[in-house]
Amino acid sequence: MIRIILVDDHAIVRTGYRRLLDAEPGLQVVGEAASADEANVLALRTTADVALVDLSLRGSSGIEAIRGMLARQPSLKVLVLSMHEGAGHITQALKSGAMGYLTKYCEPGDVIDGIRRIASGKRVFSPEIAQVLAEEAIDGDGALAHLTPREFEVLRMLAHGESANCIASSMHLSPKTVLNYLTLIRQKLNADNDFKLLHLAARHGLVDMSRTINA
């Protein structure tokens, strides 16, 4: 039996996954979480084989959830199922410990097959994700790959309009630590102000620039 944790902030989505997966022989959903904090608690209280994780969560992202769950349950295999197809999200998810990455446009059968393959220790990628990784390796335009997962998370939240204090609260850090992260991020990305950071984040798919400007 492959035991599965679902991490997605939409209850209706989790219900759909649960119905799909529990109907499959040898698969069982043993827990659900709507946030990174809930996922961390679940990893402590529930023994699972695979975590199916969305990257778009309220507060801290799925990347933080991946880091937290694996710190608490190292044997857990993580499969990302996300709408994000940018190289930044993909690279950081893998750096955080995910073993596979599927888009939410994939077929239900692909999710089931992906869970079985991940549980057996294999890596799994949607064709479009594999193409992005291949292009990233060829083109070498991986500026965000130089960031640590925590630095990436700080940049992502900044790009979504969060203040340093809000970022600190969501990530359980001190405001001073967040400011130190921002200094390191600017140095690594050669950006001397937050406006340049925002444009870089938009270029790499971390945020929809048009929505940010019109907000």
N, C-alpha and C. Protein backbone atom coordinates (compact mmCIF):
# COMPACT_ATOMS: atom_id res chain seq x y z
N MET A 1 0.83 -1.20 0.00
CA MET A 1 0.00 0.00 0.00
C MET A 1 0.87 1.26 0.00
N ILE A 2 0.65 2.15 -0.94
CA ILE A 2 1.36 3.43 -1.00
C ILE A 2 0.53 4.48 -0.27
N ARG A 3 1.08 5.00 0.81
CA ARG A 3 0.37 5.99 1.64
C ARG A 3 0.72 7.40 1.14
N ILE A 4 -0.31 8.24 0.97
CA ILE A 4 -0.14 9.52 0.29
C ILE A 4 -0.63 10.68 1.16
N ILE A 5 0.13 11.76 1.16
CA ILE A 5 -0.27 13.03 1.77
C ILE A 5 -0.59 14.01 0.66
N LEU A 6 -1.70 14.72 0.78
CA LEU A 6 -2.10 15.73 -0.18
C LEU A 6 -1.85 17.12 0.40
N VAL A 7 -1.14 17.97 -0.33
CA VAL A 7 -0.88 19.34 0.13
C VAL A 7 -1.35 20.31 -0.96
N ASP A 8 -2.49 20.93 -0.72
CA ASP A 8 -3.09 21.88 -1.66
C ASP A 8 -4.03 22.77 -0.85
N ASP A 9 -4.06 24.07 -1.14
CA ASP A 9 -4.87 24.97 -0.33
C ASP A 9 -6.33 25.06 -0.77
N HIS A 10 -6.72 24.27 -1.77
CA HIS A 10 -8.12 24.23 -2.20
C HIS A 10 -8.75 22.90 -1.78
N ALA A 11 -9.72 22.99 -0.88
CA ALA A 11 -10.35 21.78 -0.35
C ALA A 11 -11.00 20.94 -1.45
N ILE A 12 -11.61 21.61 -2.43
CA ILE A 12 -12.29 20.87 -3.50
C ILE A 12 -11.29 20.10 -4.35
N VAL A 13 -10.08 20.66 -4.52
CA VAL A 13 -9.03 19.97 -5.27
C VAL A 13 -8.56 18.75 -4.50
N ARG A 14 -8.35 18.91 -3.19
CA ARG A 14 -7.92 17.77 -2.37
C ARG A 14 -8.98 16.67 -2.38
N THR A 15 -10.25 17.05 -2.35
CA THR A 15 -11.33 16.06 -2.39
C THR A 15 -11.29 15.28 -3.70
N GLY A 16 -11.03 15.99 -4.79
CA GLY A 16 -10.94 15.32 -6.08
C GLY A 16 -9.78 14.34 -6.14
N TYR A 17 -8.63 14.77 -5.63
CA TYR A 17 -7.46 13.87 -5.60
C TYR A 17 -7.75 12.65 -4.73
N ARG A 18 -8.35 12.88 -3.56
CA ARG A 18 -8.62 11.77 -2.64
C ARG A 18 -9.53 10.73 -3.31
N ARG A 19 -10.58 11.20 -3.95
CA ARG A 19 -11.49 10.26 -4.62
C ARG A 19 -10.78 9.49 -5.73
N LEU A 20 -9.96 10.20 -6.48
CA LEU A 20 -9.22 9.56 -7.57
C LEU A 20 -8.26 8.50 -7.04
N LEU A 21 -7.48 8.88 -6.02
CA LEU A 21 -6.42 8.00 -5.54
C LEU A 21 -6.94 6.85 -4.68
N ASP A 22 -7.92 7.12 -3.82
CA ASP A 22 -8.46 6.06 -2.97
C ASP A 22 -9.18 4.99 -3.78
N ALA A 23 -9.60 5.33 -5.00
CA ALA A 23 -10.28 4.36 -5.85
C ALA A 23 -9.30 3.41 -6.53
N GLU A 24 -8.00 3.74 -6.46
CA GLU A 24 -6.98 2.93 -7.11
C GLU A 24 -6.45 1.86 -6.16
N PRO A 25 -6.33 0.62 -6.62
CA PRO A 25 -5.77 -0.45 -5.78
C PRO A 25 -4.33 -0.11 -5.36
N GLY A 26 -4.04 -0.28 -4.09
CA GLY A 26 -2.68 -0.08 -3.60
C GLY A 26 -2.34 1.36 -3.26
N LEU A 27 -3.30 2.28 -3.40
CA LEU A 27 -3.08 3.69 -3.04
C LEU A 27 -4.04 4.09 -1.93
N GLN A 28 -3.53 4.86 -0.97
CA GLN A 28 -4.38 5.32 0.13
C GLN A 28 -3.95 6.70 0.58
N VAL A 29 -4.87 7.65 0.60
CA VAL A 29 -4.60 8.98 1.13
C VAL A 29 -4.71 8.93 2.65
N VAL A 30 -3.64 9.32 3.33
CA VAL A 30 -3.61 9.22 4.80
C VAL A 30 -3.61 10.57 5.49
N GLY A 31 -3.59 11.65 4.71
CA GLY A 31 -3.61 12.97 5.34
C GLY A 31 -3.70 14.08 4.31
N GLU A 32 -4.22 15.23 4.75
CA GLU A 32 -4.35 16.40 3.89
C GLU A 32 -3.85 17.64 4.63
N ALA A 33 -3.28 18.57 3.88
CA ALA A 33 -2.82 19.84 4.44
C ALA A 33 -3.12 20.95 3.47
N ALA A 34 -3.45 22.14 4.01
CA ALA A 34 -3.78 23.29 3.17
C ALA A 34 -2.69 24.34 3.19
N SER A 35 -1.66 24.15 3.99
CA SER A 35 -0.58 25.14 4.10
C SER A 35 0.73 24.44 4.42
N ALA A 36 1.83 25.19 4.31
CA ALA A 36 3.14 24.63 4.64
C ALA A 36 3.20 24.23 6.11
N ASP A 37 2.64 25.06 6.98
CA ASP A 37 2.65 24.74 8.42
C ASP A 37 1.87 23.47 8.70
N GLU A 38 0.70 23.33 8.08
CA GLU A 38 -0.09 22.11 8.27
C GLU A 38 0.65 20.89 7.72
N ALA A 39 1.34 21.06 6.61
CA ALA A 39 2.09 19.96 6.01
C ALA A 39 3.21 19.51 6.94
N ASN A 40 3.87 20.46 7.60
CA ASN A 40 4.95 20.12 8.52
C ASN A 40 4.42 19.32 9.71
N VAL A 41 3.29 19.74 10.24
CA VAL A 41 2.67 19.02 11.35
C VAL A 41 2.26 17.62 10.91
N LEU A 42 1.69 17.54 9.71
CA LEU A 42 1.25 16.25 9.19
C LEU A 42 2.42 15.29 9.01
N ALA A 43 3.56 15.83 8.57
CA ALA A 43 4.74 14.99 8.38
C ALA A 43 5.24 14.42 9.70
N LEU A 44 5.00 15.13 10.78
CA LEU A 44 5.40 14.64 12.11
C LEU A 44 4.44 13.57 12.62
N ARG A 45 3.17 13.72 12.30
CA ARG A 45 2.13 12.87 12.91
C ARG A 45 1.74 11.69 12.04
N THR A 46 2.06 11.74 10.75
CA THR A 46 1.60 10.71 9.82
C THR A 46 2.77 10.12 9.04
N THR A 47 2.84 8.82 8.99
CA THR A 47 3.87 8.16 8.18
C THR A 47 3.32 7.93 6.78
N ALA A 48 4.00 8.49 5.80
CA ALA A 48 3.54 8.36 4.41
C ALA A 48 4.70 7.99 3.51
N ASP A 49 4.36 7.57 2.30
CA ASP A 49 5.37 7.21 1.31
C ASP A 49 5.57 8.33 0.29
N VAL A 50 4.46 8.98 -0.09
CA VAL A 50 4.51 10.02 -1.13
C VAL A 50 3.69 11.22 -0.69
N ALA A 51 4.21 12.41 -0.96
CA ALA A 51 3.45 13.64 -0.77
C ALA A 51 3.20 14.27 -2.13
N LEU A 52 1.95 14.56 -2.42
CA LEU A 52 1.56 15.24 -3.65
C LEU A 52 1.37 16.71 -3.29
N VAL A 53 2.24 17.58 -3.81
CA VAL A 53 2.32 18.96 -3.32
C VAL A 53 2.09 19.98 -4.42
N ASP A 54 1.18 20.93 -4.15
CA ASP A 54 1.02 22.10 -5.01
C ASP A 54 1.96 23.18 -4.50
N LEU A 55 2.53 23.98 -5.39
CA LEU A 55 3.45 25.03 -4.96
C LEU A 55 2.74 26.31 -4.54
N SER A 56 1.51 26.52 -5.00
CA SER A 56 0.78 27.75 -4.68
C SER A 56 -0.08 27.54 -3.44
N LEU A 57 0.51 27.87 -2.28
CA LEU A 57 -0.21 27.77 -1.02
C LEU A 57 -0.36 29.15 -0.42
N ARG A 58 -1.31 29.31 0.49
CA ARG A 58 -1.44 30.58 1.20
C ARG A 58 -0.27 30.74 2.17
N GLY A 59 0.32 31.94 2.21
CA GLY A 59 1.49 32.13 3.06
C GLY A 59 2.72 31.55 2.39
N SER A 60 3.48 30.76 3.12
CA SER A 60 4.66 30.12 2.54
C SER A 60 4.26 29.15 1.45
N SER A 61 5.11 29.01 0.44
CA SER A 61 4.76 28.20 -0.72
C SER A 61 5.01 26.71 -0.49
N GLY A 62 4.67 25.94 -1.52
CA GLY A 62 4.92 24.51 -1.47
C GLY A 62 6.38 24.16 -1.37
N ILE A 63 7.26 25.06 -1.81
CA ILE A 63 8.69 24.82 -1.69
C ILE A 63 9.10 24.76 -0.23
N GLU A 64 8.55 25.67 0.58
CA GLU A 64 8.79 25.62 2.03
C GLU A 64 8.17 24.37 2.63
N ALA A 65 7.00 23.97 2.13
CA ALA A 65 6.36 22.75 2.62
C ALA A 65 7.23 21.53 2.34
N ILE A 66 7.82 21.48 1.16
CA ILE A 66 8.69 20.35 0.80
C ILE A 66 9.88 20.28 1.76
N ARG A 67 10.53 21.42 1.97
CA ARG A 67 11.69 21.47 2.87
C ARG A 67 11.30 21.02 4.28
N GLY A 68 10.18 21.53 4.76
CA GLY A 68 9.75 21.21 6.12
C GLY A 68 9.38 19.75 6.29
N MET A 69 8.64 19.20 5.33
CA MET A 69 8.23 17.80 5.43
C MET A 69 9.42 16.86 5.38
N LEU A 70 10.36 17.13 4.48
CA LEU A 70 11.52 16.24 4.36
C LEU A 70 12.44 16.36 5.56
N ALA A 71 12.47 17.51 6.22
CA ALA A 71 13.26 17.66 7.44
C ALA A 71 12.68 16.80 8.54
N ARG A 72 11.37 16.60 8.52
CA ARG A 72 10.69 15.84 9.56
C ARG A 72 10.50 14.37 9.18
N GLN A 73 10.47 14.08 7.89
CA GLN A 73 10.27 12.70 7.41
C GLN A 73 11.14 12.50 6.16
N PRO A 74 12.44 12.26 6.35
CA PRO A 74 13.39 12.20 5.22
C PRO A 74 13.07 11.14 4.17
N SER A 75 12.38 10.07 4.56
CA SER A 75 12.10 8.99 3.61
C SER A 75 10.93 9.33 2.68
N LEU A 76 10.24 10.42 2.94
CA LEU A 76 9.09 10.81 2.12
C LEU A 76 9.53 11.16 0.70
N LYS A 77 8.78 10.69 -0.28
CA LYS A 77 9.02 11.03 -1.68
C LYS A 77 8.03 12.11 -2.08
N VAL A 78 8.51 13.19 -2.68
CA VAL A 78 7.65 14.34 -3.01
C VAL A 78 7.44 14.45 -4.52
N LEU A 79 6.17 14.52 -4.91
CA LEU A 79 5.79 14.75 -6.30
C LEU A 79 5.04 16.07 -6.37
N VAL A 80 5.58 17.04 -7.09
CA VAL A 80 4.92 18.33 -7.27
C VAL A 80 3.88 18.23 -8.37
N LEU A 81 2.70 18.78 -8.11
CA LEU A 81 1.65 18.88 -9.11
C LEU A 81 1.21 20.33 -9.11
N SER A 82 1.67 21.11 -10.10
CA SER A 82 1.52 22.56 -10.05
C SER A 82 1.19 23.16 -11.40
N MET A 83 0.61 24.36 -11.38
CA MET A 83 0.36 25.12 -12.60
C MET A 83 1.60 25.86 -13.07
N HIS A 84 2.61 26.00 -12.20
CA HIS A 84 3.82 26.74 -12.54
C HIS A 84 4.74 25.91 -13.43
N GLU A 85 5.14 26.50 -14.56
CA GLU A 85 6.02 25.80 -15.49
C GLU A 85 7.33 26.55 -15.70
N GLY A 86 7.59 27.58 -14.90
CA GLY A 86 8.82 28.34 -15.03
C GLY A 86 10.01 27.60 -14.46
N ALA A 87 11.17 27.85 -15.04
CA ALA A 87 12.38 27.15 -14.61
C ALA A 87 12.70 27.43 -13.15
N GLY A 88 12.40 28.64 -12.68
CA GLY A 88 12.70 28.99 -11.29
C GLY A 88 11.97 28.09 -10.31
N HIS A 89 10.67 27.94 -10.48
CA HIS A 89 9.89 27.08 -9.59
C HIS A 89 10.36 25.62 -9.67
N ILE A 90 10.57 25.16 -10.89
CA ILE A 90 10.97 23.76 -11.07
C ILE A 90 12.31 23.49 -10.40
N THR A 91 13.30 24.33 -10.68
CA THR A 91 14.64 24.15 -10.12
C THR A 91 14.62 24.18 -8.61
N GLN A 92 13.89 25.14 -8.04
CA GLN A 92 13.87 25.27 -6.58
C GLN A 92 13.12 24.12 -5.92
N ALA A 93 12.07 23.62 -6.57
CA ALA A 93 11.37 22.45 -6.02
C ALA A 93 12.28 21.24 -5.97
N LEU A 94 13.06 21.05 -7.03
CA LEU A 94 13.99 19.92 -7.07
C LEU A 94 15.12 20.10 -6.05
N LYS A 95 15.63 21.33 -5.92
CA LYS A 95 16.67 21.60 -4.94
C LYS A 95 16.16 21.36 -3.51
N SER A 96 14.86 21.57 -3.31
CA SER A 96 14.27 21.37 -1.98
C SER A 96 14.04 19.90 -1.67
N GLY A 97 14.13 19.05 -2.70
CA GLY A 97 14.02 17.62 -2.45
C GLY A 97 12.93 16.90 -3.21
N ALA A 98 12.16 17.60 -4.05
CA ALA A 98 11.14 16.92 -4.85
C ALA A 98 11.79 15.96 -5.84
N MET A 99 11.15 14.82 -6.05
CA MET A 99 11.68 13.82 -6.99
C MET A 99 10.96 13.85 -8.33
N GLY A 100 9.88 14.61 -8.41
CA GLY A 100 9.15 14.68 -9.67
C GLY A 100 8.33 15.94 -9.76
N TYR A 101 7.91 16.28 -10.98
CA TYR A 101 7.17 17.52 -11.19
C TYR A 101 6.22 17.31 -12.36
N LEU A 102 4.93 17.38 -12.07
CA LEU A 102 3.89 17.28 -13.10
C LEU A 102 3.11 18.58 -13.14
N THR A 103 2.58 18.94 -14.30
CA THR A 103 1.72 20.11 -14.38
C THR A 103 0.28 19.69 -14.11
N LYS A 104 -0.53 20.67 -13.73
CA LYS A 104 -1.94 20.38 -13.45
C LYS A 104 -2.75 20.16 -14.73
N TYR A 105 -2.08 20.23 -15.87
CA TYR A 105 -2.75 19.96 -17.13
C TYR A 105 -2.64 18.48 -17.50
N CYS A 106 -1.94 17.71 -16.70
CA CYS A 106 -1.75 16.30 -17.02
C CYS A 106 -3.02 15.50 -16.76
N GLU A 107 -3.08 14.31 -17.31
CA GLU A 107 -4.24 13.44 -17.15
C GLU A 107 -4.22 12.76 -15.78
N PRO A 108 -5.41 12.39 -15.25
CA PRO A 108 -5.45 11.69 -13.97
C PRO A 108 -4.57 10.45 -13.94
N GLY A 109 -4.53 9.72 -15.06
CA GLY A 109 -3.69 8.54 -15.13
C GLY A 109 -2.22 8.84 -14.96
N ASP A 110 -1.80 10.04 -15.41
CA ASP A 110 -0.40 10.44 -15.25
C ASP A 110 -0.06 10.67 -13.78
N VAL A 111 -1.02 11.21 -13.03
CA VAL A 111 -0.80 11.43 -11.59
C VAL A 111 -0.66 10.09 -10.87
N ILE A 112 -1.55 9.17 -11.19
CA ILE A 112 -1.50 7.84 -10.56
C ILE A 112 -0.19 7.14 -10.90
N ASP A 113 0.18 7.16 -12.19
CA ASP A 113 1.44 6.54 -12.61
C ASP A 113 2.63 7.23 -11.97
N GLY A 114 2.57 8.56 -11.88
CA GLY A 114 3.66 9.31 -11.27
C GLY A 114 3.86 8.95 -9.81
N ILE A 115 2.77 8.80 -9.08
CA ILE A 115 2.87 8.41 -7.66
C ILE A 115 3.50 7.04 -7.53
N ARG A 116 3.09 6.09 -8.35
CA ARG A 116 3.67 4.75 -8.27
C ARG A 116 5.17 4.76 -8.61
N ARG A 117 5.54 5.53 -9.61
CA ARG A 117 6.95 5.60 -10.01
C ARG A 117 7.79 6.30 -8.94
N ILE A 118 7.26 7.40 -8.40
CA ILE A 118 7.98 8.11 -7.33
C ILE A 118 8.17 7.21 -6.12
N ALA A 119 7.13 6.46 -5.77
CA ALA A 119 7.21 5.56 -4.61
C ALA A 119 8.29 4.50 -4.80
N SER A 120 8.55 4.13 -6.05
CA SER A 120 9.56 3.10 -6.33
C SER A 120 10.96 3.70 -6.48
N GLY A 121 11.06 5.03 -6.29
CA GLY A 121 12.38 5.67 -6.32
C GLY A 121 12.76 6.28 -7.65
N LYS A 122 11.82 6.35 -8.59
CA LYS A 122 12.12 6.92 -9.91
C LYS A 122 11.72 8.39 -9.96
N ARG A 123 12.38 9.15 -10.83
CA ARG A 123 12.02 10.54 -11.04
C ARG A 123 10.95 10.63 -12.13
N VAL A 124 10.07 11.63 -11.99
CA VAL A 124 8.95 11.77 -12.91
C VAL A 124 8.80 13.23 -13.32
N PHE A 125 8.69 13.48 -14.64
CA PHE A 125 8.47 14.84 -15.12
C PHE A 125 7.47 14.82 -16.27
N SER A 126 6.58 15.82 -16.29
CA SER A 126 5.74 16.01 -17.46
C SER A 126 6.63 16.35 -18.64
N PRO A 127 6.23 16.03 -19.87
CA PRO A 127 7.06 16.34 -21.04
C PRO A 127 7.45 17.81 -21.12
N GLU A 128 6.51 18.73 -20.80
CA GLU A 128 6.82 20.15 -20.88
C GLU A 128 7.82 20.58 -19.80
N ILE A 129 7.78 19.89 -18.65
CA ILE A 129 8.73 20.20 -17.58
C ILE A 129 10.12 19.70 -17.96
N ALA A 130 10.19 18.52 -18.54
CA ALA A 130 11.46 17.98 -19.00
C ALA A 130 12.08 18.90 -20.05
N GLN A 131 11.23 19.49 -20.92
CA GLN A 131 11.73 20.40 -21.95
C GLN A 131 12.30 21.67 -21.32
N VAL A 132 11.61 22.21 -20.31
CA VAL A 132 12.09 23.42 -19.63
C VAL A 132 13.45 23.15 -19.00
N LEU A 133 13.60 22.01 -18.35
CA LEU A 133 14.87 21.67 -17.70
C LEU A 133 15.98 21.50 -18.73
N ALA A 134 15.64 20.90 -19.86
CA ALA A 134 16.64 20.72 -20.92
C ALA A 134 17.08 22.06 -21.49
N GLU A 135 16.11 22.96 -21.74
CA GLU A 135 16.44 24.28 -22.27
C GLU A 135 17.25 25.08 -21.27
N GLU A 136 16.93 24.93 -19.99
CA GLU A 136 17.66 25.64 -18.95
C GLU A 136 19.12 25.18 -18.93
N ALA A 137 19.32 23.88 -19.09
CA ALA A 137 20.68 23.34 -19.09
C ALA A 137 21.47 23.82 -20.30
N ILE A 138 20.79 23.96 -21.45
CA ILE A 138 21.46 24.38 -22.69
C ILE A 138 21.73 25.88 -22.70
N ASP A 139 20.70 26.66 -22.34
CA ASP A 139 20.81 28.12 -22.43
C ASP A 139 21.61 28.73 -21.29
N GLY A 140 21.58 28.07 -20.14
CA GLY A 140 22.34 28.57 -18.99
C GLY A 140 21.78 29.85 -18.40
N ASP A 141 20.49 30.18 -18.68
CA ASP A 141 19.89 31.39 -18.13
C ASP A 141 19.22 31.09 -16.80
N GLY A 142 19.98 30.52 -15.89
CA GLY A 142 19.41 30.08 -14.63
C GLY A 142 19.78 30.97 -13.47
N ALA A 143 19.47 32.26 -13.58
CA ALA A 143 19.84 33.20 -12.52
C ALA A 143 19.27 32.78 -11.18
N LEU A 144 18.01 32.36 -11.17
CA LEU A 144 17.38 32.00 -9.90
C LEU A 144 17.91 30.70 -9.33
N ALA A 145 18.58 29.92 -10.15
CA ALA A 145 19.15 28.66 -9.66
C ALA A 145 20.27 28.90 -8.66
N HIS A 146 20.83 30.11 -8.65
CA HIS A 146 21.90 30.43 -7.72
C HIS A 146 21.37 30.74 -6.32
N LEU A 147 20.05 30.91 -6.21
CA LEU A 147 19.45 31.17 -4.91
C LEU A 147 19.22 29.87 -4.16
N THR A 148 19.30 29.94 -2.84
CA THR A 148 18.89 28.81 -2.03
C THR A 148 17.36 28.77 -2.01
N PRO A 149 16.75 27.62 -1.64
CA PRO A 149 15.29 27.58 -1.56
C PRO A 149 14.71 28.66 -0.67
N ARG A 150 15.37 28.97 0.44
CA ARG A 150 14.85 30.01 1.33
C ARG A 150 14.95 31.39 0.69
N GLU A 151 16.04 31.65 0.00
CA GLU A 151 16.18 32.93 -0.70
C GLU A 151 15.13 33.05 -1.80
N PHE A 152 14.89 31.96 -2.50
CA PHE A 152 13.87 31.95 -3.54
C PHE A 152 12.50 32.26 -2.96
N GLU A 153 12.20 31.69 -1.80
CA GLU A 153 10.91 31.91 -1.16
C GLU A 153 10.74 33.37 -0.75
N VAL A 154 11.79 33.97 -0.21
CA VAL A 154 11.75 35.38 0.16
C VAL A 154 11.49 36.23 -1.08
N LEU A 155 12.19 35.94 -2.18
CA LEU A 155 12.00 36.69 -3.42
C LEU A 155 10.59 36.50 -3.95
N ARG A 156 10.07 35.30 -3.90
CA ARG A 156 8.72 35.03 -4.39
C ARG A 156 7.69 35.85 -3.61
N MET A 157 7.83 35.87 -2.28
CA MET A 157 6.86 36.60 -1.46
C MET A 157 7.00 38.11 -1.66
N LEU A 158 8.23 38.59 -1.83
CA LEU A 158 8.45 40.00 -2.12
C LEU A 158 7.77 40.37 -3.44
N ALA A 159 7.91 39.51 -4.44
CA ALA A 159 7.32 39.76 -5.76
C ALA A 159 5.80 39.78 -5.71
N HIS A 160 5.22 39.12 -4.71
CA HIS A 160 3.77 39.11 -4.54
C HIS A 160 3.30 40.24 -3.63
N GLY A 161 4.19 41.18 -3.34
CA GLY A 161 3.79 42.37 -2.60
C GLY A 161 3.86 42.27 -1.09
N GLU A 162 4.50 41.21 -0.57
CA GLU A 162 4.59 41.06 0.89
C GLU A 162 5.72 41.94 1.43
N SER A 163 5.49 42.53 2.59
CA SER A 163 6.52 43.32 3.26
C SER A 163 7.50 42.40 3.97
N ALA A 164 8.63 42.95 4.38
CA ALA A 164 9.63 42.16 5.10
C ALA A 164 9.03 41.57 6.38
N ASN A 165 8.20 42.35 7.07
CA ASN A 165 7.57 41.86 8.30
C ASN A 165 6.61 40.72 8.03
N CYS A 166 5.83 40.83 6.95
CA CYS A 166 4.90 39.76 6.59
C CYS A 166 5.65 38.50 6.18
N ILE A 167 6.72 38.68 5.43
CA ILE A 167 7.54 37.53 5.03
C ILE A 167 8.12 36.86 6.26
N ALA A 168 8.62 37.65 7.19
CA ALA A 168 9.19 37.11 8.41
C ALA A 168 8.17 36.30 9.20
N SER A 169 6.95 36.83 9.30
CA SER A 169 5.90 36.14 10.03
C SER A 169 5.52 34.82 9.36
N SER A 170 5.37 34.84 8.04
CA SER A 170 4.97 33.63 7.31
C SER A 170 6.04 32.55 7.37
N MET A 171 7.32 32.97 7.36
CA MET A 171 8.41 32.01 7.32
C MET A 171 9.01 31.73 8.70
N HIS A 172 8.40 32.32 9.72
CA HIS A 172 8.86 32.11 11.10
C HIS A 172 10.33 32.54 11.26
N LEU A 173 10.62 33.72 10.72
CA LEU A 173 11.96 34.30 10.80
C LEU A 173 11.85 35.67 11.44
N SER A 174 12.97 36.23 11.82
CA SER A 174 12.97 37.60 12.31
C SER A 174 13.03 38.55 11.12
N PRO A 175 12.48 39.77 11.24
CA PRO A 175 12.57 40.74 10.14
C PRO A 175 14.02 41.00 9.73
N LYS A 176 14.94 41.00 10.70
CA LYS A 176 16.35 41.22 10.39
C LYS A 176 16.89 40.12 9.49
N THR A 177 16.49 38.88 9.76
CA THR A 177 16.94 37.76 8.94
C THR A 177 16.42 37.90 7.51
N VAL A 178 15.17 38.32 7.37
CA VAL A 178 14.60 38.52 6.04
C VAL A 178 15.36 39.61 5.29
N LEU A 179 15.68 40.70 5.97
CA LEU A 179 16.45 41.77 5.33
C LEU A 179 17.83 41.29 4.90
N ASN A 180 18.43 40.42 5.72
CA ASN A 180 19.73 39.83 5.34
C ASN A 180 19.59 38.97 4.09
N TYR A 181 18.49 38.20 4.02
CA TYR A 181 18.24 37.39 2.83
C TYR A 181 18.09 38.29 1.60
N LEU A 182 17.37 39.39 1.74
CA LEU A 182 17.16 40.30 0.61
C LEU A 182 18.48 40.89 0.13
N THR A 183 19.36 41.17 1.06
CA THR A 183 20.68 41.69 0.68
C THR A 183 21.45 40.65 -0.13
N LEU A 184 21.42 39.40 0.32
CA LEU A 184 22.10 38.32 -0.40
C LEU A 184 21.48 38.10 -1.78
N ILE A 185 20.15 38.19 -1.85
CA ILE A 185 19.46 37.99 -3.12
C ILE A 185 19.87 39.06 -4.13
N ARG A 186 19.90 40.31 -3.68
CA ARG A 186 20.30 41.41 -4.57
C ARG A 186 21.73 41.20 -5.08
N GLN A 187 22.61 40.75 -4.19
CA GLN A 187 24.00 40.53 -4.59
C GLN A 187 24.09 39.41 -5.62
N LYS A 188 23.38 38.32 -5.38
CA LYS A 188 23.45 37.18 -6.29
C LYS A 188 22.84 37.48 -7.66
N LEU A 189 21.81 38.33 -7.67
CA LEU A 189 21.11 38.61 -8.92
C LEU A 189 21.53 39.93 -9.55
N ASN A 190 22.53 40.59 -8.94
CA ASN A 190 23.03 41.87 -9.45
C ASN A 190 21.91 42.89 -9.61
N ALA A 191 21.05 42.96 -8.61
CA ALA A 191 19.94 43.92 -8.61
C ALA A 191 20.12 44.85 -7.43
N ASP A 192 20.23 46.14 -7.70
CA ASP A 192 20.52 47.07 -6.60
C ASP A 192 19.27 47.68 -5.97
N ASN A 193 18.06 47.26 -6.43
CA ASN A 193 16.84 47.73 -5.78
C ASN A 193 15.72 46.72 -5.99
N ASP A 194 14.62 46.90 -5.23
CA ASP A 194 13.52 45.94 -5.28
C ASP A 194 12.78 45.99 -6.62
N PHE A 195 12.77 47.13 -7.30
CA PHE A 195 12.10 47.23 -8.60
C PHE A 195 12.76 46.29 -9.61
N LYS A 196 14.10 46.26 -9.61
CA LYS A 196 14.82 45.35 -10.50
C LYS A 196 14.56 43.89 -10.11
N LEU A 197 14.47 43.65 -8.81
CA LEU A 197 14.16 42.29 -8.35
C LEU A 197 12.79 41.86 -8.85
N LEU A 198 11.81 42.77 -8.79
CA LEU A 198 10.46 42.46 -9.23
C LEU A 198 10.42 42.13 -10.71
N HIS A 199 11.14 42.89 -11.52
CA HIS A 199 11.18 42.62 -12.96
C HIS A 199 11.85 41.28 -13.24
N LEU A 200 12.91 40.99 -12.51
CA LEU A 200 13.59 39.70 -12.68
C LEU A 200 12.67 38.56 -12.29
N ALA A 201 11.95 38.73 -11.18
CA ALA A 201 11.00 37.71 -10.73
C ALA A 201 9.91 37.49 -11.78
N ALA A 202 9.40 38.58 -12.37
CA ALA A 202 8.36 38.46 -13.38
C ALA A 202 8.90 37.75 -14.63
N ARG A 203 10.13 38.06 -15.01
CA ARG A 203 10.72 37.46 -16.20
C ARG A 203 10.88 35.95 -16.04
N HIS A 204 11.06 35.51 -14.80
CA HIS A 204 11.24 34.09 -14.55
C HIS A 204 9.96 33.41 -14.06
N GLY A 205 8.83 34.10 -14.22
CA GLY A 205 7.55 33.47 -13.96
C GLY A 205 7.12 33.38 -12.52
N LEU A 206 7.75 34.15 -11.62
CA LEU A 206 7.36 34.09 -10.22
C LEU A 206 6.08 34.87 -9.95
N VAL A 207 5.77 35.84 -10.82
CA VAL A 207 4.59 36.68 -10.59
C VAL A 207 4.15 37.25 -11.92
N ASP A 208 2.85 37.48 -12.04
CA ASP A 208 2.28 38.11 -13.23
C ASP A 208 2.47 39.62 -13.09
N MET A 209 3.38 40.20 -13.89
CA MET A 209 3.72 41.61 -13.75
C MET A 209 2.52 42.51 -14.00
N SER A 210 1.66 42.16 -14.94
CA SER A 210 0.52 43.02 -15.25
C SER A 210 -0.45 43.10 -14.07
N ARG A 211 -0.61 41.98 -13.38
CA ARG A 211 -1.49 41.99 -12.22
C ARG A 211 -0.88 42.81 -11.09
N THR A 212 0.46 42.74 -10.95
CA THR A 212 1.13 43.49 -9.90
C THR A 212 1.00 44.99 -10.12
N ILE A 213 1.20 45.41 -11.38
CA ILE A 213 1.16 46.84 -11.70
C ILE A 213 -0.26 47.38 -11.54
N ASN A 214 -1.29 46.55 -11.89
CA ASN A 214 -2.65 47.03 -11.84
C ASN A 214 -3.28 46.93 -10.45
N ALA A 215 -2.56 46.28 -9.52
CA ALA A 215 -3.12 46.08 -8.18
C ALA A 215 -3.24 47.41 -7.45
